[in-house]
Amino acid sequence: MSMFAKIKNFLFQDLTYRFQQFIIIIAHLILLNWMIYALRLAGGLKFTTVMIHFLGMGLYGAILIYGTSWWAKKRYQNEINDSQSEQA
């Protein structure tokens, strides 16, 4: 099998899984952009405004971690159930 075929199989074997990864990386990049924004402007903002930004980032990060792990676990359990039903 050629290298191109291996790459094609890796990228396109399950497009829903790749879409899930794409959504997760976009959500992480939004959080990273917010962090950079808050850190650049932190010197010119009031303390309470900076604290609200960091509390929001912490909450967003916690929801992001919980949500993406729940989504991945749900997909994994569905794959296990599908493979068990195919074997039976």
Foldseek 3Di string as FASTA:
>chain_A
DDPVVVVCCVPPVPVVVVVLVVVLVVLVVVLVVLVVVLVVCVVVDDPVVSVVSVVVSVVSVVCSVVVSVVVVVVVVVVVVVVVVVVVD
